[in-house]
């Protein structure tokens, strides 16, 4: 696969390597996915729920490299990646930056 012109910051590289090092079941590969929406919640000390809802966004996850054909991977900043997104979305990564800010991965589009 031809790698998109996506810059991966040092903070994102460090976070991905840290997360990958905690996966013992397989040799992981990073997956950058387009997600239509997601949410997560937590219980606060006062018993209330704190729910966070995100709309469409890019998200980093991991998969066993043994299950991904080599021709569907590329290397960015020394990390093997594959992508889970409709082909029409992949151009959004051209010139973008994958960063790790405040405990979350973010894809920031290039300035126009």
C-alpha atoms as a PDB file:
ATOM      1  CA  UNK A   1       0.000   0.000   0.000  1.00  0.00           C
ATOM      2  CA  UNK A   2       1.249   3.471  -0.784  1.00  0.00           C
ATOM      3  CA  UNK A   3       1.562   5.415   2.446  1.00  0.00           C
ATOM      4  CA  UNK A   4      -0.507   8.585   2.680  1.00  0.00           C
ATOM      5  CA  UNK A   5       1.460  11.781   3.248  1.00  0.00           C
ATOM      6  CA  UNK A   6       0.456  11.709   6.911  1.00  0.00           C
ATOM      7  CA  UNK A   7       2.860  13.157   9.457  1.00  0.00           C
ATOM      8  CA  UNK A   8       2.986  11.273  12.768  1.00  0.00           C
ATOM      9  CA  UNK A   9       4.220  13.434  15.646  1.00  0.00           C
ATOM     10  CA  UNK A  10       6.721  12.236  18.231  1.00  0.00           C
ATOM     11  CA  UNK A  11       3.941  12.275  20.843  1.00  0.00           C
ATOM     12  CA  UNK A  12       1.758  10.008  18.668  1.00  0.00           C
ATOM     13  CA  UNK A  13       4.674   7.657  17.922  1.00  0.00           C
ATOM     14  CA  UNK A  14       5.444   7.358  21.647  1.00  0.00           C
ATOM     15  CA  UNK A  15       1.774   6.708  22.535  1.00  0.00           C
ATOM     16  CA  UNK A  16       1.360   4.085  19.795  1.00  0.00           C
ATOM     17  CA  UNK A  17       4.565   2.300  20.821  1.00  0.00           C
ATOM     18  CA  UNK A  18       3.500   2.398  24.481  1.00  0.00           C
ATOM     19  CA  UNK A  19       0.085   0.943  23.676  1.00  0.00           C
ATOM     20  CA  UNK A  20       1.519  -1.679  21.303  1.00  0.00           C
ATOM     21  CA  UNK A  21       4.020  -2.802  23.934  1.00  0.00           C
ATOM     22  CA  UNK A  22       1.134  -3.707  26.246  1.00  0.00           C
ATOM     23  CA  UNK A  23      -0.379  -6.128  23.703  1.00  0.00           C
ATOM     24  CA  UNK A  24       1.024  -9.585  24.466  1.00  0.00           C
ATOM     25  CA  UNK A  25      -1.428 -11.751  22.490  1.00  0.00           C
ATOM     26  CA  UNK A  26       0.014 -10.932  19.063  1.00  0.00           C
ATOM     27  CA  UNK A  27       2.430  -8.773  17.116  1.00  0.00           C
ATOM     28  CA  UNK A  28       0.217  -5.693  16.704  1.00  0.00           C
ATOM     29  CA  UNK A  29      -0.089  -3.324  13.785  1.00  0.00           C
ATOM     30  CA  UNK A  30      -1.582   0.145  14.161  1.00  0.00           C
ATOM     31  CA  UNK A  31      -4.935   0.695  12.455  1.00  0.00           C
ATOM     32  CA  UNK A  32      -6.118   4.206  11.637  1.00  0.00           C
ATOM     33  CA  UNK A  33      -9.896   3.970  11.202  1.00  0.00           C
ATOM     34  CA  UNK A  34     -12.583   6.412  10.146  1.00  0.00           C
ATOM     35  CA  UNK A  35     -15.307   6.153  12.797  1.00  0.00           C
ATOM     36  CA  UNK A  36     -18.765   7.579  12.179  1.00  0.00           C
ATOM     37  CA  UNK A  37     -19.318   8.149  15.893  1.00  0.00           C
ATOM     38  CA  UNK A  38     -18.497   6.807  19.311  1.00  0.00           C
ATOM     39  CA  UNK A  39     -19.161   7.432  22.965  1.00  0.00           C
ATOM     40  CA  UNK A  40     -17.799   6.412  26.313  1.00  0.00           C
ATOM     41  CA  UNK A  41     -18.788   7.051  29.874  1.00  0.00           C
ATOM     42  CA  UNK A  42     -17.557   7.018  33.410  1.00  0.00           C
ATOM     43  CA  UNK A  43     -19.109   7.161  36.838  1.00  0.00           C
ATOM     44  CA  UNK A  44     -18.180  10.265  38.770  1.00  0.00           C
ATOM     45  CA  UNK A  45     -17.466  10.147  42.523  1.00  0.00           C
ATOM     46  CA  UNK A  46     -20.865  11.760  43.176  1.00  0.00           C
ATOM     47  CA  UNK A  47     -22.635   8.886  41.366  1.00  0.00           C
ATOM     48  CA  UNK A  48     -23.485  10.814  38.216  1.00  0.00           C
ATOM     49  CA  UNK A  49     -22.539   9.585  34.765  1.00  0.00           C
ATOM     50  CA  UNK A  50     -20.192  11.566  32.549  1.00  0.00           C
ATOM     51  CA  UNK A  51     -20.896  10.606  28.919  1.00  0.00           C
ATOM     52  CA  UNK A  52     -18.706  11.873  26.096  1.00  0.00           C
ATOM     53  CA  UNK A  53     -20.034  11.611  22.536  1.00  0.00           C
ATOM     54  CA  UNK A  54     -17.845  12.112  19.481  1.00  0.00           C
ATOM     55  CA  UNK A  55     -19.072  12.556  15.953  1.00  0.00           C
ATOM     56  CA  UNK A  56     -17.141  11.367  12.905  1.00  0.00           C
ATOM     57  CA  UNK A  57     -13.394  11.196  13.519  1.00  0.00           C
ATOM     58  CA  UNK A  58     -10.206   9.193  12.939  1.00  0.00           C
ATOM     59  CA  UNK A  59      -9.291   6.709  15.645  1.00  0.00           C
ATOM     60  CA  UNK A  60      -6.198   4.581  16.337  1.00  0.00           C
ATOM     61  CA  UNK A  61      -6.588   0.921  17.211  1.00  0.00           C
ATOM     62  CA  UNK A  62      -4.576  -2.267  16.838  1.00  0.00           C
ATOM     63  CA  UNK A  63      -4.885  -5.583  15.036  1.00  0.00           C
ATOM     64  CA  UNK A  64      -2.779  -8.704  14.733  1.00  0.00           C
ATOM     65  CA  UNK A  65      -0.221  -8.195  11.985  1.00  0.00           C
ATOM     66  CA  UNK A  66      -0.590 -11.893  11.106  1.00  0.00           C
ATOM     67  CA  UNK A  67      -4.119 -11.163   9.861  1.00  0.00           C
ATOM     68  CA  UNK A  68      -3.231  -8.198   7.655  1.00  0.00           C
ATOM     69  CA  UNK A  69      -1.631  -8.944   4.275  1.00  0.00           C
ATOM     70  CA  UNK A  70       1.706  -7.108   3.923  1.00  0.00           C
ATOM     71  CA  UNK A  71       0.507  -5.363   0.761  1.00  0.00           C
ATOM     72  CA  UNK A  72      -2.235  -3.685   2.838  1.00  0.00           C
ATOM     73  CA  UNK A  73       0.267  -2.074   5.201  1.00  0.00           C
ATOM     74  CA  UNK A  74       2.713   0.796   5.076  1.00  0.00           C
ATOM     75  CA  UNK A  75       5.280   2.303   7.402  1.00  0.00           C
ATOM     76  CA  UNK A  76       4.944   5.778   8.884  1.00  0.00           C
ATOM     77  CA  UNK A  77       7.519   7.096  11.360  1.00  0.00           C
ATOM     78  CA  UNK A  78       8.846   3.576  11.926  1.00  0.00           C
ATOM     79  CA  UNK A  79       5.421   2.079  12.748  1.00  0.00           C
ATOM     80  CA  UNK A  80       3.482  -0.388  10.580  1.00  0.00           C
ATOM     81  CA  UNK A  81       0.002   0.931   9.763  1.00  0.00           C
ATOM     82  CA  UNK A  82      -3.081  -0.200   7.928  1.00  0.00           C
ATOM     83  CA  UNK A  83      -6.216   1.838   7.340  1.00  0.00           C
ATOM     84  CA  UNK A  84      -9.907   1.121   7.781  1.00  0.00           C
ATOM     85  CA  UNK A  85     -11.756   3.781   5.858  1.00  0.00           C
ATOM     86  CA  UNK A  86     -13.727   4.132   2.660  1.00  0.00           C
ATOM     87  CA  UNK A  87     -11.393   4.890  -0.254  1.00  0.00           C
ATOM     88  CA  UNK A  88     -13.067   8.270  -0.727  1.00  0.00           C
ATOM     89  CA  UNK A  89     -11.958   9.275   2.812  1.00  0.00           C
ATOM     90  CA  UNK A  90      -8.268   8.447   2.425  1.00  0.00           C
ATOM     91  CA  UNK A  91      -7.436  11.732   0.685  1.00  0.00           C
ATOM     92  CA  UNK A  92      -8.255  13.490   3.981  1.00  0.00           C
ATOM     93  CA  UNK A  93      -4.994  12.105   5.358  1.00  0.00           C
ATOM     94  CA  UNK A  94      -2.852  13.718   2.641  1.00  0.00           C
ATOM     95  CA  UNK A  95      -0.848  16.439   4.331  1.00  0.00           C
ATOM     96  CA  UNK A  96      -2.566  15.840   7.687  1.00  0.00           C
ATOM     97  CA  UNK A  97      -0.911  15.211  11.059  1.00  0.00           C
ATOM     98  CA  UNK A  98      -1.609  12.408  13.539  1.00  0.00           C
ATOM     99  CA  UNK A  99      -0.935  13.767  17.010  1.00  0.00           C
ATOM    100  CA  UNK A 100      -1.488  12.655  20.604  1.00  0.00           C
ATOM    101  CA  UNK A 101      -2.915  15.466  22.721  1.00  0.00           C
ATOM    102  CA  UNK A 102      -4.416  15.237  26.189  1.00  0.00           C
ATOM    103  CA  UNK A 103      -4.535  11.446  26.152  1.00  0.00           C
ATOM    104  CA  UNK A 104      -6.268  11.199  22.754  1.00  0.00           C
ATOM    105  CA  UNK A 105      -5.167  10.691  19.176  1.00  0.00           C
ATOM    106  CA  UNK A 106      -6.183  13.458  16.790  1.00  0.00           C
ATOM    107  CA  UNK A 107      -5.844  13.825  13.040  1.00  0.00           C
ATOM    108  CA  UNK A 108      -5.409  17.482  12.228  1.00  0.00           C
ATOM    109  CA  UNK A 109      -6.027  18.541   8.667  1.00  0.00           C
ATOM    110  CA  UNK A 110      -3.407  20.620   6.948  1.00  0.00           C
ATOM    111  CA  UNK A 111      -3.916  24.347   6.854  1.00  0.00           C
ATOM    112  CA  UNK A 112      -5.257  25.573   3.538  1.00  0.00           C
END
